[in-house]
Amino acid sequence: MTATEWTAESAGSGQYADVNGINLYYETYGAGRPMILLHGGLGSGEMFGPILPALADHHQVIVVDLQGHGRTADIDRPLDVRLMADDVAALIDHLGLRKPDVVGYSLGGGVAFQVAIRHPEKVGRLVAASANISRDAIYPEILQQQGQVSGAAAEYMKDTPMYELYQRVAPRPEDFPRLLDKIGEAMAEDFDFSEEVRGLRMPTLVVAADADMAPPSHYVEVFKLLDGGLRDGGWMGEARPKGGHALAILPGLTHYDIFLSPLLAAVTLAFLDQES
């Protein structure tokens, strides 16, 4: 992937919001029903550049740079999806949005889940792409790789799009090793949010690549927590999951290119634009 692929195809309106103790950067694209869009770890909202035009065609898309990522400076607290979810909830209030849809990929998908868990009254529909809800679902070799992420790896990442992006846009480019340390510490923490996900009531779309960071069976299990995949859906869809939940396994993709795929945009829009 080249650095240019991380750049949004059309300029959005970039602003900062002083919310929840953090100066949160966000860009706004398009007009229509609001959608909060959350990026993956070591990235920024620019990751979604190739699919932003489709998403913003008839939605107002608010693309957020999470704590310590992109144009949002780090603050003195851990990188925790629950704390970052509180940031997003505070941004929703700051912008005066009424139940926007929340869409997240990878780290952003974990944050999206937590916004829905911790602030359900603020979320319309939820889309979580390539977001694992338990650490033990992740392939062992990936967990081993994650265990090697620390500030000491910064020198070896200088030729990567993640490093180039951070150096270009971060308020303090010298903080990249600190971000790696925090990401490494966060990934080392055990987690299992199964019971919290089971309680979600807003319509939720679980999305994954067919060759993702965890096996497809994990995302099926998440769907099962939401009353999905337990029975035939019926001729008229009358026995589909209660609450309008859905599952999409996207073919020919991995954890590392799903956020660029028109398929992700297509299934997201099809789900968000359903009649309630």
C-alpha atoms as a PDB file:
ATOM      1  CA  MET A   1       0.000   0.000   0.000  1.00  0.00           C
ATOM      2  CA  THR A   2       1.371   3.399  -0.926  1.00  0.00           C
ATOM      3  CA  ALA A   3       1.145   6.479   1.237  1.00  0.00           C
ATOM      4  CA  THR A   4      -1.184   8.146  -1.271  1.00  0.00           C
ATOM      5  CA  GLU A   5      -3.790   5.442  -0.715  1.00  0.00           C
ATOM      6  CA  TRP A   6      -4.217   6.764   2.821  1.00  0.00           C
ATOM      7  CA  THR A   7      -5.246  10.205   1.599  1.00  0.00           C
ATOM      8  CA  ALA A   8      -8.909  11.162   1.299  1.00  0.00           C
ATOM      9  CA  GLU A   9      -9.980  11.693  -2.303  1.00  0.00           C
ATOM     10  CA  SER A  10     -11.842  14.898  -1.514  1.00  0.00           C
ATOM     11  CA  ALA A  11     -11.163  17.458   1.135  1.00  0.00           C
ATOM     12  CA  GLY A  12     -13.430  17.459   4.150  1.00  0.00           C
ATOM     13  CA  SER A  13     -14.022  20.144   6.718  1.00  0.00           C
ATOM     14  CA  GLY A  14     -11.469  19.504   9.491  1.00  0.00           C
ATOM     15  CA  GLN A  15     -12.080  20.772  13.015  1.00  0.00           C
ATOM     16  CA  TYR A  16     -11.145  20.086  16.631  1.00  0.00           C
ATOM     17  CA  ALA A  17     -13.574  19.480  19.480  1.00  0.00           C
ATOM     18  CA  ASP A  18     -12.429  19.879  23.075  1.00  0.00           C
ATOM     19  CA  VAL A  19     -14.376  17.004  24.612  1.00  0.00           C
ATOM     20  CA  ASN A  20     -13.867  14.599  27.502  1.00  0.00           C
ATOM     21  CA  GLY A  21     -10.398  15.961  28.248  1.00  0.00           C
ATOM     22  CA  ILE A  22      -9.062  15.470  24.720  1.00  0.00           C
ATOM     23  CA  ASN A  23      -8.769  17.756  21.694  1.00  0.00           C
ATOM     24  CA  LEU A  24     -10.434  15.434  19.183  1.00  0.00           C
ATOM     25  CA  TYR A  25      -9.913  16.000  15.450  1.00  0.00           C
ATOM     26  CA  TYR A  26     -12.690  15.216  12.991  1.00  0.00           C
ATOM     27  CA  GLU A  27     -13.581  15.903   9.376  1.00  0.00           C
ATOM     28  CA  THR A  28     -17.065  16.182   7.915  1.00  0.00           C
ATOM     29  CA  TYR A  29     -18.038  14.982   4.446  1.00  0.00           C
ATOM     30  CA  GLY A  30     -21.333  15.000   2.576  1.00  0.00           C
ATOM     31  CA  ALA A  31     -24.834  15.607   3.883  1.00  0.00           C
ATOM     32  CA  GLY A  32     -27.734  13.489   5.073  1.00  0.00           C
ATOM     33  CA  ARG A  33     -28.165  11.027   7.898  1.00  0.00           C
ATOM     34  CA  PRO A  34     -25.105  11.343  10.185  1.00  0.00           C
ATOM     35  CA  MET A  35     -22.517   8.558  10.375  1.00  0.00           C
ATOM     36  CA  ILE A  36     -19.546   8.502  12.765  1.00  0.00           C
ATOM     37  CA  LEU A  37     -16.634   6.687  11.056  1.00  0.00           C
ATOM     38  CA  LEU A  38     -13.786   5.252  13.181  1.00  0.00           C
ATOM     39  CA  HIS A  39     -10.419   4.097  11.829  1.00  0.00           C
ATOM     40  CA  GLY A  40      -8.073   1.248  12.742  1.00  0.00           C
ATOM     41  CA  GLY A  41      -4.999   1.206  14.959  1.00  0.00           C
ATOM     42  CA  LEU A  42      -1.922   3.190  13.818  1.00  0.00           C
ATOM     43  CA  GLY A  43      -4.054   4.872  11.165  1.00  0.00           C
ATOM     44  CA  SER A  44      -6.396   7.837  10.915  1.00  0.00           C
ATOM     45  CA  GLY A  45      -9.572   8.791   9.136  1.00  0.00           C
ATOM     46  CA  GLU A  46      -7.533   9.079   5.949  1.00  0.00           C
ATOM     47  CA  MET A  47      -7.534   5.267   5.784  1.00  0.00           C
ATOM     48  CA  PHE A  48     -11.055   5.418   4.362  1.00  0.00           C
ATOM     49  CA  GLY A  49     -10.136   7.728   1.466  1.00  0.00           C
ATOM     50  CA  PRO A  50     -10.995   5.268  -1.329  1.00  0.00           C
ATOM     51  CA  ILE A  51     -14.504   4.560   0.016  1.00  0.00           C
ATOM     52  CA  LEU A  52     -15.361   7.974   1.477  1.00  0.00           C
ATOM     53  CA  PRO A  53     -17.033   9.293  -1.697  1.00  0.00           C
ATOM     54  CA  ALA A  54     -19.477   6.368  -1.683  1.00  0.00           C
ATOM     55  CA  LEU A  55     -20.201   6.702   2.037  1.00  0.00           C
ATOM     56  CA  ALA A  56     -20.693  10.466   1.790  1.00  0.00           C
ATOM     57  CA  ASP A  57     -22.882  10.333  -1.316  1.00  0.00           C
ATOM     58  CA  HIS A  58     -26.041  10.688   0.773  1.00  0.00           C
ATOM     59  CA  HIS A  59     -24.765  10.579   4.351  1.00  0.00           C
ATOM     60  CA  GLN A  60     -23.064  13.163   6.520  1.00  0.00           C
ATOM     61  CA  VAL A  61     -19.871  11.300   7.420  1.00  0.00           C
ATOM     62  CA  ILE A  62     -17.953  12.492  10.493  1.00  0.00           C
ATOM     63  CA  VAL A  63     -14.487  10.919  10.338  1.00  0.00           C
ATOM     64  CA  VAL A  64     -12.746  10.945  13.720  1.00  0.00           C
ATOM     65  CA  ASP A  65      -9.047  10.654  14.559  1.00  0.00           C
ATOM     66  CA  LEU A  66      -8.967   8.681  17.819  1.00  0.00           C
ATOM     67  CA  GLN A  67      -6.689   9.369  20.791  1.00  0.00           C
ATOM     68  CA  GLY A  68      -3.026   9.556  19.779  1.00  0.00           C
ATOM     69  CA  HIS A  69      -3.805   8.911  16.106  1.00  0.00           C
ATOM     70  CA  GLY A  70      -3.735  11.163  13.075  1.00  0.00           C
ATOM     71  CA  ARG A  71      -4.237  14.798  14.016  1.00  0.00           C
ATOM     72  CA  THR A  72      -5.436  14.048  17.566  1.00  0.00           C
ATOM     73  CA  ALA A  73      -2.614  14.376  20.081  1.00  0.00           C
ATOM     74  CA  ASP A  74      -2.191  11.763  22.786  1.00  0.00           C
ATOM     75  CA  ILE A  75      -3.108  12.493  26.401  1.00  0.00           C
ATOM     76  CA  ASP A  76      -1.976  10.993  29.678  1.00  0.00           C
ATOM     77  CA  ARG A  77      -4.137   7.892  29.835  1.00  0.00           C
ATOM     78  CA  PRO A  78      -4.028   4.376  28.345  1.00  0.00           C
ATOM     79  CA  LEU A  79      -5.292   3.573  24.864  1.00  0.00           C
ATOM     80  CA  ASP A  80      -8.510   1.904  25.978  1.00  0.00           C
ATOM     81  CA  VAL A  81     -11.479   1.320  23.665  1.00  0.00           C
ATOM     82  CA  ARG A  82     -13.850   2.196  26.504  1.00  0.00           C
ATOM     83  CA  LEU A  83     -12.236   5.576  27.130  1.00  0.00           C
ATOM     84  CA  MET A  84     -12.112   6.323  23.404  1.00  0.00           C
ATOM     85  CA  ALA A  85     -15.795   5.382  23.181  1.00  0.00           C
ATOM     86  CA  ASP A  86     -16.536   8.005  25.824  1.00  0.00           C
ATOM     87  CA  ASP A  87     -14.660  10.521  23.635  1.00  0.00           C
ATOM     88  CA  VAL A  88     -16.889   9.654  20.684  1.00  0.00           C
ATOM     89  CA  ALA A  89     -20.021   9.895  22.814  1.00  0.00           C
ATOM     90  CA  ALA A  90     -18.900  13.336  24.002  1.00  0.00           C
ATOM     91  CA  LEU A  91     -18.307  14.359  20.360  1.00  0.00           C
ATOM     92  CA  ILE A  92     -21.839  13.249  19.465  1.00  0.00           C
ATOM     93  CA  ASP A  93     -23.152  15.549  22.200  1.00  0.00           C
ATOM     94  CA  HIS A  94     -20.792  18.352  21.160  1.00  0.00           C
ATOM     95  CA  LEU A  95     -22.125  18.200  17.592  1.00  0.00           C
ATOM     96  CA  GLY A  96     -25.739  17.964  18.737  1.00  0.00           C
ATOM     97  CA  LEU A  97     -26.323  14.761  16.790  1.00  0.00           C
ATOM     98  CA  ARG A  98     -29.385  12.660  17.495  1.00  0.00           C
ATOM     99  CA  LYS A  99     -28.574   8.941  17.350  1.00  0.00           C
ATOM    100  CA  PRO A 100     -26.067   8.914  14.482  1.00  0.00           C
ATOM    101  CA  ASP A 101     -25.001   5.610  13.028  1.00  0.00           C
ATOM    102  CA  VAL A 102     -21.566   4.485  14.251  1.00  0.00           C
ATOM    103  CA  VAL A 103     -19.241   2.602  11.888  1.00  0.00           C
ATOM    104  CA  GLY A 104     -15.811   1.339  12.927  1.00  0.00           C
ATOM    105  CA  TYR A 105     -13.012  -0.841  11.569  1.00  0.00           C
ATOM    106  CA  SER A 106     -10.564  -2.904  13.691  1.00  0.00           C
ATOM    107  CA  LEU A 107      -9.610  -0.696  16.668  1.00  0.00           C
ATOM    108  CA  GLY A 108     -12.381   1.644  15.555  1.00  0.00           C
ATOM    109  CA  GLY A 109     -14.777  -1.295  15.449  1.00  0.00           C
ATOM    110  CA  GLY A 110     -13.901  -2.079  19.057  1.00  0.00           C
ATOM    111  CA  VAL A 111     -14.527   1.564  19.944  1.00  0.00           C
ATOM    112  CA  ALA A 112     -17.824   1.472  18.023  1.00  0.00           C
ATOM    113  CA  PHE A 113     -18.936  -1.569  20.017  1.00  0.00           C
ATOM    114  CA  GLN A 114     -18.117   0.282  23.234  1.00  0.00           C
ATOM    115  CA  VAL A 115     -20.013   3.412  22.185  1.00  0.00           C
ATOM    116  CA  ALA A 116     -23.041   1.164  21.670  1.00  0.00           C
ATOM    117  CA  ILE A 117     -22.471  -0.698  24.957  1.00  0.00           C
ATOM    118  CA  ARG A 118     -21.753   2.335  27.131  1.00  0.00           C
ATOM    119  CA  HIS A 119     -23.958   4.935  25.407  1.00  0.00           C
ATOM    120  CA  PRO A 120     -26.762   3.013  23.675  1.00  0.00           C
ATOM    121  CA  GLU A 121     -29.085   6.008  23.693  1.00  0.00           C
ATOM    122  CA  LYS A 122     -26.675   7.876  21.397  1.00  0.00           C
ATOM    123  CA  VAL A 123     -26.437   5.259  18.602  1.00  0.00           C
ATOM    124  CA  GLY A 124     -28.831   4.636  15.733  1.00  0.00           C
ATOM    125  CA  ARG A 125     -27.305   1.699  13.847  1.00  0.00           C
ATOM    126  CA  LEU A 126     -23.943   0.058  14.479  1.00  0.00           C
ATOM    127  CA  VAL A 127     -21.450  -1.417  11.996  1.00  0.00           C
ATOM    128  CA  ALA A 128     -18.375  -3.167  13.415  1.00  0.00           C
ATOM    129  CA  ALA A 129     -15.886  -4.377  10.802  1.00  0.00           C
ATOM    130  CA  SER A 130     -12.980  -6.713  11.627  1.00  0.00           C
ATOM    131  CA  ALA A 131     -13.555  -6.091  15.343  1.00  0.00           C
ATOM    132  CA  ASN A 132     -12.793  -8.961  17.705  1.00  0.00           C
ATOM    133  CA  ILE A 133     -14.747  -9.077  20.955  1.00  0.00           C
ATOM    134  CA  SER A 134     -12.428 -11.523  22.741  1.00  0.00           C
ATOM    135  CA  ARG A 135      -8.648 -11.715  22.631  1.00  0.00           C
ATOM    136  CA  ASP A 136      -8.508 -15.504  22.483  1.00  0.00           C
ATOM    137  CA  ALA A 137     -10.312 -15.449  19.125  1.00  0.00           C
ATOM    138  CA  ILE A 138      -7.246 -13.929  17.446  1.00  0.00           C
ATOM    139  CA  TYR A 139      -4.885 -16.335  15.672  1.00  0.00           C
ATOM    140  CA  PRO A 140      -1.904 -17.309  17.905  1.00  0.00           C
ATOM    141  CA  GLU A 141       0.667 -16.115  15.375  1.00  0.00           C
ATOM    142  CA  ILE A 142      -0.985 -12.675  15.313  1.00  0.00           C
ATOM    143  CA  LEU A 143      -0.962 -12.492  19.110  1.00  0.00           C
ATOM    144  CA  GLN A 144       2.754 -13.287  18.960  1.00  0.00           C
ATOM    145  CA  GLN A 145       3.320 -10.465  16.479  1.00  0.00           C
ATOM    146  CA  GLN A 146       1.283  -8.075  18.620  1.00  0.00           C
ATOM    147  CA  GLY A 147       3.485  -8.947  21.565  1.00  0.00           C
ATOM    148  CA  GLN A 148       6.449  -7.468  19.694  1.00  0.00           C
ATOM    149  CA  VAL A 149       4.832  -4.052  19.217  1.00  0.00           C
ATOM    150  CA  SER A 150       6.607  -1.384  21.271  1.00  0.00           C
ATOM    151  CA  GLY A 151       8.419   1.898  20.853  1.00  0.00           C
ATOM    152  CA  ALA A 152      11.569  -0.053  20.073  1.00  0.00           C
ATOM    153  CA  ALA A 153      10.004  -1.021  16.731  1.00  0.00           C
ATOM    154  CA  ALA A 154       9.660   2.585  15.555  1.00  0.00           C
ATOM    155  CA  GLU A 155      12.957   2.529  13.646  1.00  0.00           C
ATOM    156  CA  TYR A 156      11.843  -0.532  11.661  1.00  0.00           C
ATOM    157  CA  MET A 157       8.536   1.104  10.649  1.00  0.00           C
ATOM    158  CA  LYS A 158       9.983   4.160   8.919  1.00  0.00           C
ATOM    159  CA  ASP A 159       9.122   2.827   5.464  1.00  0.00           C
ATOM    160  CA  THR A 160       5.498   2.057   6.309  1.00  0.00           C
ATOM    161  CA  PRO A 161       2.380   4.101   5.449  1.00  0.00           C
ATOM    162  CA  MET A 162       1.544   4.261   9.155  1.00  0.00           C
ATOM    163  CA  TYR A 163       4.828   6.014   9.975  1.00  0.00           C
ATOM    164  CA  GLU A 164       4.587   8.333   6.952  1.00  0.00           C
ATOM    165  CA  LEU A 165       1.050   9.339   7.894  1.00  0.00           C
ATOM    166  CA  TYR A 166       1.961  10.001  11.519  1.00  0.00           C
ATOM    167  CA  GLN A 167       4.980  12.112  10.586  1.00  0.00           C
ATOM    168  CA  ARG A 168       2.893  14.131   8.129  1.00  0.00           C
ATOM    169  CA  VAL A 169      -0.144  14.945  10.273  1.00  0.00           C
ATOM    170  CA  ALA A 170       0.485  14.281  13.977  1.00  0.00           C
ATOM    171  CA  PRO A 171       0.692  17.346  16.248  1.00  0.00           C
ATOM    172  CA  ARG A 172       3.819  15.809  17.827  1.00  0.00           C
ATOM    173  CA  PRO A 173       5.508  13.527  15.253  1.00  0.00           C
ATOM    174  CA  GLU A 174       8.146  12.559  17.810  1.00  0.00           C
ATOM    175  CA  ASP A 175       5.440  10.693  19.795  1.00  0.00           C
ATOM    176  CA  PHE A 176       5.317   7.732  17.377  1.00  0.00           C
ATOM    177  CA  PRO A 177       7.354   5.418  19.679  1.00  0.00           C
ATOM    178  CA  ARG A 178       5.013   6.359  22.543  1.00  0.00           C
ATOM    179  CA  LEU A 179       2.015   5.407  20.395  1.00  0.00           C
ATOM    180  CA  LEU A 180       3.612   2.028  19.641  1.00  0.00           C
ATOM    181  CA  ASP A 181       4.229   1.467  23.349  1.00  0.00           C
ATOM    182  CA  LYS A 182       0.613   2.239  24.172  1.00  0.00           C
ATOM    183  CA  ILE A 183      -0.753   0.111  21.325  1.00  0.00           C
ATOM    184  CA  GLY A 184       1.462  -2.776  22.450  1.00  0.00           C
ATOM    185  CA  GLU A 185       0.278  -2.457  26.052  1.00  0.00           C
ATOM    186  CA  ALA A 186      -3.365  -2.337  24.948  1.00  0.00           C
ATOM    187  CA  MET A 187      -3.031  -5.436  22.767  1.00  0.00           C
ATOM    188  CA  ALA A 188      -1.407  -7.355  25.628  1.00  0.00           C
ATOM    189  CA  GLU A 189      -4.487  -6.891  27.808  1.00  0.00           C
ATOM    190  CA  ASP A 190      -6.946  -9.775  27.908  1.00  0.00           C
ATOM    191  CA  PHE A 191     -10.544  -8.909  27.049  1.00  0.00           C
ATOM    192  CA  ASP A 192     -13.899 -10.544  26.436  1.00  0.00           C
ATOM    193  CA  PHE A 193     -16.912  -8.352  25.781  1.00  0.00           C
ATOM    194  CA  SER A 194     -19.269 -11.180  24.838  1.00  0.00           C
ATOM    195  CA  GLU A 195     -21.858 -10.502  27.509  1.00  0.00           C
ATOM    196  CA  GLU A 196     -21.897  -6.777  26.799  1.00  0.00           C
ATOM    197  CA  VAL A 197     -22.384  -7.423  23.069  1.00  0.00           C
ATOM    198  CA  ARG A 198     -25.174  -9.868  23.823  1.00  0.00           C
ATOM    199  CA  GLY A 199     -27.107  -6.986  25.368  1.00  0.00           C
ATOM    200  CA  LEU A 200     -27.004  -4.685  22.331  1.00  0.00           C
ATOM    201  CA  ARG A 201     -30.431  -3.616  21.131  1.00  0.00           C
ATOM    202  CA  MET A 202     -29.717  -1.245  18.236  1.00  0.00           C
ATOM    203  CA  PRO A 203     -29.505  -2.876  14.772  1.00  0.00           C
ATOM    204  CA  THR A 204     -25.932  -4.151  14.439  1.00  0.00           C
ATOM    205  CA  LEU A 205     -24.011  -5.343  11.385  1.00  0.00           C
ATOM    206  CA  VAL A 206     -21.008  -7.576  12.063  1.00  0.00           C
ATOM    207  CA  VAL A 207     -18.553  -7.464   9.130  1.00  0.00           C
ATOM    208  CA  ALA A 208     -15.338  -9.395   8.548  1.00  0.00           C
ATOM    209  CA  ALA A 209     -13.003 -10.419   5.747  1.00  0.00           C
ATOM    210  CA  ASP A 210     -12.973 -14.093   4.838  1.00  0.00           C
ATOM    211  CA  ALA A 211      -9.256 -14.104   5.781  1.00  0.00           C
ATOM    212  CA  ASP A 212      -9.357 -11.788   8.785  1.00  0.00           C
ATOM    213  CA  MET A 213      -7.321 -11.586  12.011  1.00  0.00           C
ATOM    214  CA  ALA A 214      -9.654 -14.153  13.579  1.00  0.00           C
ATOM    215  CA  PRO A 215     -11.448 -17.045  11.857  1.00  0.00           C
ATOM    216  CA  PRO A 216     -14.864 -16.444  10.273  1.00  0.00           C
ATOM    217  CA  SER A 217     -16.330 -18.616  13.030  1.00  0.00           C
ATOM    218  CA  HIS A 218     -15.565 -15.849  15.554  1.00  0.00           C
ATOM    219  CA  TYR A 219     -17.745 -13.363  13.710  1.00  0.00           C
ATOM    220  CA  VAL A 220     -20.464 -15.999  13.401  1.00  0.00           C
ATOM    221  CA  GLU A 221     -20.290 -16.399  17.184  1.00  0.00           C
ATOM    222  CA  VAL A 222     -20.678 -12.643  17.603  1.00  0.00           C
ATOM    223  CA  PHE A 223     -23.733 -12.834  15.326  1.00  0.00           C
ATOM    224  CA  LYS A 224     -25.108 -15.644  17.477  1.00  0.00           C
ATOM    225  CA  LEU A 225     -24.838 -13.412  20.542  1.00  0.00           C
ATOM    226  CA  LEU A 226     -27.200 -11.086  18.668  1.00  0.00           C
ATOM    227  CA  ASP A 227     -29.765 -13.841  18.012  1.00  0.00           C
ATOM    228  CA  GLY A 228     -28.368 -14.554  14.545  1.00  0.00           C
ATOM    229  CA  GLY A 229     -27.505 -17.838  12.852  1.00  0.00           C
ATOM    230  CA  LEU A 230     -29.714 -19.866  15.178  1.00  0.00           C
ATOM    231  CA  ARG A 231     -32.540 -20.841  12.825  1.00  0.00           C
ATOM    232  CA  ASP A 232     -33.893 -20.542   9.301  1.00  0.00           C
ATOM    233  CA  GLY A 233     -34.927 -16.975   8.546  1.00  0.00           C
ATOM    234  CA  GLY A 234     -38.316 -17.836   7.064  1.00  0.00           C
ATOM    235  CA  TRP A 235     -39.842 -17.185   3.654  1.00  0.00           C
ATOM    236  CA  MET A 236     -40.518 -13.540   4.486  1.00  0.00           C
ATOM    237  CA  GLY A 237     -37.561 -13.045   6.801  1.00  0.00           C
ATOM    238  CA  GLU A 238     -39.906 -13.249   9.756  1.00  0.00           C
ATOM    239  CA  ALA A 239     -37.469 -15.386  11.760  1.00  0.00           C
ATOM    240  CA  ARG A 240     -34.403 -13.254  11.150  1.00  0.00           C
ATOM    241  CA  PRO A 241     -32.617 -11.991  14.289  1.00  0.00           C
ATOM    242  CA  LYS A 242     -34.753  -9.841  16.533  1.00  0.00           C
ATOM    243  CA  GLY A 243     -33.554  -6.256  16.418  1.00  0.00           C
ATOM    244  CA  GLY A 244     -32.496  -6.258  12.765  1.00  0.00           C
ATOM    245  CA  HIS A 245     -28.947  -7.550  13.286  1.00  0.00           C
ATOM    246  CA  ALA A 246     -26.968  -8.883  10.314  1.00  0.00           C
ATOM    247  CA  LEU A 247     -23.681 -10.545   9.345  1.00  0.00           C
ATOM    248  CA  ALA A 248     -21.448 -10.046   6.299  1.00  0.00           C
ATOM    249  CA  ILE A 249     -18.297 -12.065   5.519  1.00  0.00           C
ATOM    250  CA  LEU A 250     -16.645 -10.307   2.585  1.00  0.00           C
ATOM    251  CA  PRO A 251     -14.835 -12.493   0.026  1.00  0.00           C
ATOM    252  CA  GLY A 252     -11.266 -12.111  -1.157  1.00  0.00           C
ATOM    253  CA  LEU A 253     -10.242  -9.677   1.582  1.00  0.00           C
ATOM    254  CA  THR A 254      -8.010  -9.586   4.652  1.00  0.00           C
ATOM    255  CA  HIS A 255      -7.819  -7.532   7.824  1.00  0.00           C
ATOM    256  CA  TYR A 256      -5.367  -5.259   6.015  1.00  0.00           C
ATOM    257  CA  ASP A 257      -7.390  -4.256   2.959  1.00  0.00           C
ATOM    258  CA  ILE A 258     -11.049  -4.558   3.971  1.00  0.00           C
ATOM    259  CA  PHE A 259     -11.206  -0.850   4.890  1.00  0.00           C
ATOM    260  CA  LEU A 260     -10.301   0.044   1.289  1.00  0.00           C
ATOM    261  CA  SER A 261     -12.886  -2.211  -0.323  1.00  0.00           C
ATOM    262  CA  PRO A 262     -16.000  -1.053  -2.179  1.00  0.00           C
ATOM    263  CA  LEU A 263     -17.628  -4.179  -0.703  1.00  0.00           C
ATOM    264  CA  LEU A 264     -17.331  -2.688   2.797  1.00  0.00           C
ATOM    265  CA  ALA A 265     -18.958   0.524   1.607  1.00  0.00           C
ATOM    266  CA  ALA A 266     -21.705  -1.423  -0.175  1.00  0.00           C
ATOM    267  CA  VAL A 267     -22.725  -3.638   2.744  1.00  0.00           C
ATOM    268  CA  THR A 268     -22.468  -0.734   5.188  1.00  0.00           C
ATOM    269  CA  LEU A 269     -24.743   1.486   3.118  1.00  0.00           C
ATOM    270  CA  ALA A 270     -27.203  -1.327   2.405  1.00  0.00           C
ATOM    271  CA  PHE A 271     -27.502  -1.961   6.142  1.00  0.00           C
ATOM    272  CA  LEU A 272     -27.697   1.671   7.239  1.00  0.00           C
ATOM    273  CA  ASP A 273     -30.263   2.563   4.608  1.00  0.00           C
ATOM    274  CA  GLN A 274     -32.717  -0.190   5.499  1.00  0.00           C
ATOM    275  CA  GLU A 275     -36.098   0.936   6.691  1.00  0.00           C
ATOM    276  CA  SER A 276     -36.372   0.557  10.466  1.00  0.00           C
END
